[in-house]
Amino acid sequence: KETAPVILLETPYRMKPLAKDLEMILKSNKRIIFAYKLTQPEELIIKTTVGELVSKIKDLPKGEFVIIVLP
């Protein structure tokens, strides 16, 4: 029941496990922003839900990322 966004920073090798953890903990329709390799040519920003995140990042290699859980 947060009223402010929650920003999660984690090591690159925890990208997919963290997405699965969020899927188990939060509601699948919880809105999030997944930001991958910011400021690099491969930069990717995905606005999605927790339920869709795992499938959307399954083919991404390890890389720096930030997850913003929206209120």
N, C-alpha and C. Protein backbone atom coordinates (compact mmCIF):
# COMPACT_ATOMS: atom_id res chain seq x y z
N LYS A 1 0.82 -1.19 0.00
CA LYS A 1 0.00 0.00 0.00
C LYS A 1 0.86 1.25 0.00
N GLU A 2 1.94 1.19 -0.74
CA GLU A 2 2.83 2.34 -0.85
C GLU A 2 2.16 3.45 -1.66
N THR A 3 2.45 4.68 -1.30
CA THR A 3 1.93 5.81 -2.05
C THR A 3 3.00 6.47 -2.90
N ALA A 4 4.21 5.96 -2.82
CA ALA A 4 5.33 6.48 -3.62
C ALA A 4 5.95 5.31 -4.38
N PRO A 5 6.60 5.59 -5.50
CA PRO A 5 7.28 4.51 -6.23
C PRO A 5 8.38 3.88 -5.38
N VAL A 6 8.62 2.60 -5.59
CA VAL A 6 9.71 1.89 -4.92
C VAL A 6 10.74 1.55 -6.00
N ILE A 7 11.99 1.95 -5.79
CA ILE A 7 13.04 1.72 -6.77
C ILE A 7 13.93 0.59 -6.28
N LEU A 8 14.10 -0.42 -7.14
CA LEU A 8 14.90 -1.58 -6.79
C LEU A 8 16.16 -1.62 -7.65
N LEU A 9 17.30 -1.69 -7.00
CA LEU A 9 18.58 -1.86 -7.68
C LEU A 9 19.13 -3.21 -7.25
N GLU A 10 19.62 -3.97 -8.19
CA GLU A 10 20.12 -5.31 -7.88
C GLU A 10 21.26 -5.61 -8.84
N THR A 11 22.05 -6.61 -8.52
CA THR A 11 23.17 -6.99 -9.38
C THR A 11 22.65 -7.64 -10.66
N PRO A 12 23.41 -7.53 -11.77
CA PRO A 12 22.94 -8.06 -13.05
C PRO A 12 22.57 -9.54 -13.03
N TYR A 13 23.29 -10.36 -12.27
CA TYR A 13 22.98 -11.79 -12.28
C TYR A 13 21.68 -12.11 -11.53
N ARG A 14 21.09 -11.14 -10.85
CA ARG A 14 19.83 -11.36 -10.14
C ARG A 14 18.61 -10.82 -10.91
N MET A 15 18.82 -10.40 -12.16
CA MET A 15 17.74 -9.78 -12.92
C MET A 15 16.53 -10.71 -13.05
N LYS A 16 16.71 -11.90 -13.56
CA LYS A 16 15.59 -12.82 -13.76
C LYS A 16 15.07 -13.41 -12.45
N PRO A 17 15.93 -13.79 -11.52
CA PRO A 17 15.40 -14.26 -10.22
C PRO A 17 14.58 -13.20 -9.49
N LEU A 18 15.00 -11.92 -9.56
CA LEU A 18 14.24 -10.87 -8.91
C LEU A 18 12.87 -10.71 -9.56
N ALA A 19 12.81 -10.80 -10.88
CA ALA A 19 11.52 -10.71 -11.58
C ALA A 19 10.59 -11.82 -11.12
N LYS A 20 11.12 -13.02 -10.95
CA LYS A 20 10.30 -14.14 -10.47
C LYS A 20 9.87 -13.93 -9.02
N ASP A 21 10.75 -13.38 -8.21
CA ASP A 21 10.40 -13.08 -6.81
C ASP A 21 9.27 -12.05 -6.75
N LEU A 22 9.37 -11.01 -7.57
CA LEU A 22 8.33 -9.99 -7.59
C LEU A 22 6.99 -10.58 -8.03
N GLU A 23 7.06 -11.51 -8.96
CA GLU A 23 5.84 -12.17 -9.45
C GLU A 23 5.15 -12.93 -8.31
N MET A 24 5.94 -13.53 -7.44
CA MET A 24 5.38 -14.28 -6.32
C MET A 24 4.86 -13.36 -5.21
N ILE A 25 5.51 -12.22 -5.01
CA ILE A 25 5.19 -11.34 -3.88
C ILE A 25 4.08 -10.34 -4.20
N LEU A 26 4.15 -9.73 -5.38
CA LEU A 26 3.19 -8.68 -5.73
C LEU A 26 2.05 -9.23 -6.58
N LYS A 27 0.99 -8.46 -6.69
CA LYS A 27 -0.10 -8.84 -7.57
C LYS A 27 0.39 -8.81 -9.01
N SER A 28 -0.10 -9.74 -9.83
CA SER A 28 0.39 -9.83 -11.21
C SER A 28 0.04 -8.60 -12.04
N ASN A 29 -0.97 -7.81 -11.63
CA ASN A 29 -1.32 -6.62 -12.39
C ASN A 29 -0.65 -5.35 -11.86
N LYS A 30 0.27 -5.50 -10.90
CA LYS A 30 1.00 -4.34 -10.35
C LYS A 30 1.87 -3.73 -11.45
N ARG A 31 1.75 -2.43 -11.66
CA ARG A 31 2.49 -1.75 -12.72
C ARG A 31 3.94 -1.49 -12.30
N ILE A 32 4.84 -1.71 -13.25
CA ILE A 32 6.26 -1.47 -13.00
C ILE A 32 6.91 -0.88 -14.25
N ILE A 33 8.09 -0.34 -14.04
CA ILE A 33 8.95 0.09 -15.14
C ILE A 33 10.27 -0.67 -14.99
N PHE A 34 10.69 -1.31 -16.05
CA PHE A 34 11.94 -2.05 -16.07
C PHE A 34 12.90 -1.29 -16.97
N ALA A 35 14.00 -0.78 -16.42
CA ALA A 35 14.98 -0.01 -17.19
C ALA A 35 16.27 -0.82 -17.25
N TYR A 36 16.73 -1.12 -18.46
CA TYR A 36 17.86 -2.01 -18.71
C TYR A 36 18.97 -1.27 -19.44
N LYS A 37 20.17 -1.39 -18.92
CA LYS A 37 21.37 -0.80 -19.52
C LYS A 37 21.18 0.68 -19.88
N LEU A 38 20.75 1.44 -18.90
CA LEU A 38 20.54 2.87 -19.14
C LEU A 38 21.83 3.55 -19.57
N THR A 39 21.72 4.50 -20.43
CA THR A 39 22.81 5.31 -21.00
C THR A 39 23.73 4.52 -21.92
N GLN A 40 23.35 3.32 -22.29
CA GLN A 40 24.15 2.52 -23.22
C GLN A 40 23.36 2.34 -24.52
N PRO A 41 24.03 1.96 -25.61
CA PRO A 41 23.31 1.77 -26.88
C PRO A 41 22.18 0.73 -26.79
N GLU A 42 22.31 -0.24 -25.90
CA GLU A 42 21.29 -1.29 -25.76
C GLU A 42 20.17 -0.89 -24.81
N GLU A 43 20.11 0.38 -24.42
CA GLU A 43 19.13 0.84 -23.44
C GLU A 43 17.72 0.37 -23.81
N LEU A 44 16.99 -0.08 -22.79
CA LEU A 44 15.63 -0.57 -22.99
C LEU A 44 14.80 -0.18 -21.78
N ILE A 45 13.66 0.42 -22.02
CA ILE A 45 12.75 0.78 -20.94
C ILE A 45 11.40 0.14 -21.27
N ILE A 46 10.94 -0.71 -20.35
CA ILE A 46 9.69 -1.43 -20.55
C ILE A 46 8.71 -1.03 -19.46
N LYS A 47 7.55 -0.52 -19.87
CA LYS A 47 6.46 -0.26 -18.93
C LYS A 47 5.52 -1.45 -19.05
N THR A 48 5.35 -2.17 -17.95
CA THR A 48 4.61 -3.42 -18.00
C THR A 48 4.00 -3.73 -16.65
N THR A 49 3.53 -4.94 -16.48
CA THR A 49 3.04 -5.40 -15.19
C THR A 49 3.98 -6.48 -14.67
N VAL A 50 3.89 -6.75 -13.39
CA VAL A 50 4.73 -7.80 -12.79
C VAL A 50 4.48 -9.13 -13.49
N GLY A 51 3.22 -9.42 -13.79
CA GLY A 51 2.88 -10.69 -14.44
C GLY A 51 3.49 -10.88 -15.81
N GLU A 52 3.74 -9.80 -16.53
CA GLU A 52 4.30 -9.89 -17.88
C GLU A 52 5.82 -9.73 -17.91
N LEU A 53 6.41 -9.27 -16.82
CA LEU A 53 7.84 -8.95 -16.82
C LEU A 53 8.72 -10.16 -17.13
N VAL A 54 8.47 -11.29 -16.49
CA VAL A 54 9.32 -12.47 -16.69
C VAL A 54 9.39 -12.86 -18.16
N SER A 55 8.26 -12.88 -18.85
CA SER A 55 8.28 -13.27 -20.26
C SER A 55 8.94 -12.21 -21.15
N LYS A 56 8.83 -10.94 -20.77
CA LYS A 56 9.42 -9.88 -21.59
C LYS A 56 10.93 -9.80 -21.48
N ILE A 57 11.51 -10.30 -20.37
CA ILE A 57 12.97 -10.20 -20.22
C ILE A 57 13.67 -11.55 -20.35
N LYS A 58 12.93 -12.60 -20.69
CA LYS A 58 13.52 -13.94 -20.71
C LYS A 58 14.70 -14.08 -21.66
N ASP A 59 14.73 -13.32 -22.75
CA ASP A 59 15.82 -13.45 -23.72
C ASP A 59 16.92 -12.40 -23.55
N LEU A 60 16.78 -11.53 -22.56
CA LEU A 60 17.81 -10.51 -22.33
C LEU A 60 19.02 -11.11 -21.64
N PRO A 61 20.22 -10.77 -22.08
CA PRO A 61 21.41 -11.21 -21.34
C PRO A 61 21.54 -10.42 -20.03
N LYS A 62 22.40 -10.90 -19.16
CA LYS A 62 22.64 -10.19 -17.91
C LYS A 62 23.07 -8.76 -18.22
N GLY A 63 22.62 -7.84 -17.40
CA GLY A 63 22.99 -6.45 -17.59
C GLY A 63 22.47 -5.61 -16.44
N GLU A 64 22.99 -4.42 -16.33
CA GLU A 64 22.55 -3.52 -15.26
C GLU A 64 21.09 -3.15 -15.50
N PHE A 65 20.32 -3.06 -14.42
CA PHE A 65 18.91 -2.75 -14.54
C PHE A 65 18.38 -2.09 -13.28
N VAL A 66 17.24 -1.46 -13.44
CA VAL A 66 16.51 -0.84 -12.34
C VAL A 66 15.05 -1.21 -12.52
N ILE A 67 14.37 -1.55 -11.42
CA ILE A 67 12.94 -1.79 -11.47
C ILE A 67 12.27 -0.75 -10.59
N ILE A 68 11.27 -0.08 -11.15
CA ILE A 68 10.49 0.89 -10.41
C ILE A 68 9.09 0.32 -10.25
N VAL A 69 8.70 0.05 -9.00
CA VAL A 69 7.35 -0.43 -8.72
C VAL A 69 6.50 0.79 -8.49
N LEU A 70 5.50 0.97 -9.34
CA LEU A 70 4.65 2.15 -9.26
C LEU A 70 3.60 2.00 -8.17
N PRO A 71 3.18 3.12 -7.57
CA PRO A 71 2.18 3.03 -6.50
C PRO A 71 0.81 2.61 -7.03
